[in-house]
């Protein structure tokens, strides 16, 4: 088999719009028995304030209070709204002055897994400073959010 120069399809919708991210990660969890397999349901639940761990809500509140110091606008209420669904994945996309954010929430039914893929493109010194802090806690936050959603959605 000969290698080709043809681009391969993105592993996640999150990487389609941000193919060379400044930051990327993926968190994978087992799909609980009886849980829905609709990726939009999973995305909405993972990012629902009602489903988030309390400490994550507190961290987001602190973020909202501090970002104006960097001249970054507070995130709008719909920053984590699902913007697209394609096949087994729902996409959340939000662009701001300091970064472009993409998050794909995919449900792999045959493998019985749920995957949250994040891709971020930074803009300028604000993005680098802001995300320098965020990237340290990001995997812990997303893991906690996904686990909490799995408990809520378990059948």
Protein backbone atom coordinates (compact mmCIF):
# COMPACT_ATOMS: atom_id res chain seq x y z
CA UNK A 1 0.00 0.00 0.00
CA UNK A 2 1.40 3.37 -1.00
CA UNK A 3 1.15 6.42 1.28
CA UNK A 4 -0.82 9.29 -0.20
CA UNK A 5 -0.82 13.02 0.27
CA UNK A 6 -4.61 13.04 0.47
CA UNK A 7 -5.78 14.37 3.82
CA UNK A 8 -7.51 11.88 6.05
CA UNK A 9 -10.89 12.77 7.49
CA UNK A 10 -10.71 14.35 10.93
CA UNK A 11 -10.88 12.05 13.91
CA UNK A 12 -13.40 14.42 15.46
CA UNK A 13 -15.51 17.34 14.28
CA UNK A 14 -13.53 19.39 16.81
CA UNK A 15 -10.43 18.90 14.66
CA UNK A 16 -12.16 19.67 11.36
CA UNK A 17 -12.31 23.42 12.06
CA UNK A 18 -9.08 23.51 14.08
CA UNK A 19 -6.84 21.02 12.24
CA UNK A 20 -3.60 22.27 13.85
CA UNK A 21 -4.70 23.20 17.38
CA UNK A 22 -2.60 24.97 19.98
CA UNK A 23 -4.21 22.62 22.50
CA UNK A 24 -6.09 19.37 22.08
CA UNK A 25 -7.18 16.57 24.32
CA UNK A 26 -9.69 13.75 24.49
CA UNK A 27 -11.42 12.19 27.46
CA UNK A 28 -13.07 8.80 27.03
CA UNK A 29 -15.48 7.03 29.36
CA UNK A 30 -17.51 3.83 29.17
CA UNK A 31 -21.05 4.20 27.86
CA UNK A 32 -23.24 3.13 30.79
CA UNK A 33 -25.74 0.34 30.25
CA UNK A 34 -29.12 1.78 29.36
CA UNK A 35 -27.74 5.26 28.65
CA UNK A 36 -28.91 7.10 25.53
CA UNK A 37 -26.70 6.89 22.47
CA UNK A 38 -27.64 10.28 21.01
CA UNK A 39 -24.50 12.47 20.96
CA UNK A 40 -26.56 15.67 21.27
CA UNK A 41 -28.09 14.39 24.51
CA UNK A 42 -24.62 13.62 25.82
CA UNK A 43 -23.23 17.02 24.80
CA UNK A 44 -26.13 18.88 26.39
CA UNK A 45 -25.81 16.87 29.59
CA UNK A 46 -22.02 17.18 29.86
CA UNK A 47 -22.29 20.97 29.53
CA UNK A 48 -25.52 21.44 31.49
CA UNK A 49 -25.09 23.55 34.64
CA UNK A 50 -27.62 21.25 36.32
CA UNK A 51 -25.37 18.24 35.67
CA UNK A 52 -21.96 19.80 36.35
CA UNK A 53 -20.13 19.11 39.59
CA UNK A 54 -20.53 22.04 42.00
CA UNK A 55 -16.79 22.75 42.05
CA UNK A 56 -16.79 23.07 38.23
CA UNK A 57 -19.66 25.58 38.45
CA UNK A 58 -17.67 27.51 41.05
CA UNK A 59 -14.59 27.52 38.80
CA UNK A 60 -16.67 28.80 35.87
CA UNK A 61 -18.08 31.57 38.07
CA UNK A 62 -14.54 32.60 39.05
CA UNK A 63 -13.58 32.54 35.36
CA UNK A 64 -16.49 34.82 34.48
CA UNK A 65 -15.43 37.27 37.19
CA UNK A 66 -11.72 37.34 36.28
CA UNK A 67 -11.61 37.38 32.48
CA UNK A 68 -12.62 41.05 32.17
CA UNK A 69 -9.25 41.84 33.81
CA UNK A 70 -7.66 40.53 30.59
CA UNK A 71 -10.20 42.41 28.46
CA UNK A 72 -11.85 39.13 27.55
CA UNK A 73 -15.65 39.29 27.50
CA UNK A 74 -17.49 36.92 29.84
CA UNK A 75 -18.75 33.84 28.03
CA UNK A 76 -22.32 34.15 26.76
CA UNK A 77 -24.97 31.79 28.12
CA UNK A 78 -25.00 29.82 24.88
CA UNK A 79 -21.21 29.36 24.64
CA UNK A 80 -21.64 25.59 25.13
CA UNK A 81 -24.67 25.12 22.87
CA UNK A 82 -24.57 22.31 20.32
CA UNK A 83 -23.95 23.87 16.91
CA UNK A 84 -23.94 20.75 14.72
CA UNK A 85 -24.63 17.03 14.84
CA UNK A 86 -23.08 14.67 12.31
CA UNK A 87 -23.39 10.92 12.64
CA UNK A 88 -22.25 9.84 16.09
CA UNK A 89 -20.86 13.24 17.18
CA UNK A 90 -22.23 16.56 18.38
CA UNK A 91 -20.11 19.70 17.99
CA UNK A 92 -19.92 22.71 20.26
CA UNK A 93 -18.15 25.65 18.61
CA UNK A 94 -17.42 29.08 20.06
CA UNK A 95 -15.00 31.73 18.81
CA UNK A 96 -13.90 34.62 20.99
CA UNK A 97 -11.24 37.34 21.02
CA UNK A 98 -8.75 35.14 22.88
CA UNK A 99 -9.40 31.71 21.36
CA UNK A 100 -11.46 29.49 19.07
CA UNK A 101 -12.97 26.54 20.95
CA UNK A 102 -14.29 23.30 19.48
CA UNK A 103 -15.59 20.34 21.43
CA UNK A 104 -16.86 17.15 19.88
CA UNK A 105 -18.94 14.75 21.97
CA UNK A 106 -19.12 11.36 20.27
CA UNK A 107 -20.87 8.13 21.19
CA UNK A 108 -19.28 4.95 19.86
CA UNK A 109 -22.06 2.41 20.32
CA UNK A 110 -20.15 -0.71 19.14
CA UNK A 111 -17.23 0.09 21.46
CA UNK A 112 -19.60 1.28 24.25
CA UNK A 113 -17.60 4.51 24.72
CA UNK A 114 -18.27 8.24 24.97
CA UNK A 115 -15.49 10.61 23.83
CA UNK A 116 -15.12 14.33 24.48
CA UNK A 117 -12.52 15.88 22.14
CA UNK A 118 -11.40 19.46 22.64
CA UNK A 119 -9.42 21.58 20.17
CA UNK A 120 -8.36 25.17 20.83
CA UNK A 121 -6.69 27.79 18.66
CA UNK A 122 -5.24 30.68 20.69
CA UNK A 123 -5.29 34.35 19.70
CA UNK A 124 -2.55 36.65 20.96
CA UNK A 125 -1.21 37.20 24.43
CA UNK A 126 -4.66 37.08 26.05
CA UNK A 127 -5.28 33.60 24.71
CA UNK A 128 -1.85 32.36 25.75
CA UNK A 129 -2.15 33.81 29.26
CA UNK A 130 -5.72 32.63 29.76
CA UNK A 131 -5.13 29.14 28.43
CA UNK A 132 -1.82 28.78 30.25
CA UNK A 133 -3.93 28.45 33.39
CA UNK A 134 -6.89 26.59 31.85
CA UNK A 135 -4.85 23.83 30.20
CA UNK A 136 -3.57 22.68 33.60
CA UNK A 137 -7.06 21.94 34.92
CA UNK A 138 -8.87 21.20 31.65
CA UNK A 139 -8.47 17.38 31.65
CA UNK A 140 -9.58 17.15 35.30
CA UNK A 141 -12.62 19.37 34.67
CA UNK A 142 -13.73 17.53 31.51
CA UNK A 143 -13.25 14.13 33.16
CA UNK A 144 -15.40 15.21 36.12
CA UNK A 145 -18.07 16.62 33.80
CA UNK A 146 -18.17 13.44 31.68
CA UNK A 147 -18.36 11.16 34.73
CA UNK A 148 -21.18 13.22 36.21
CA UNK A 149 -23.08 13.14 32.90
CA UNK A 150 -22.59 9.35 32.72
CA UNK A 151 -24.12 8.95 36.19
CA UNK A 152 -27.10 11.13 35.19
CA UNK A 153 -27.67 9.33 31.91
CA UNK A 154 -27.17 5.78 33.18
CA UNK A 155 -30.29 3.69 32.64
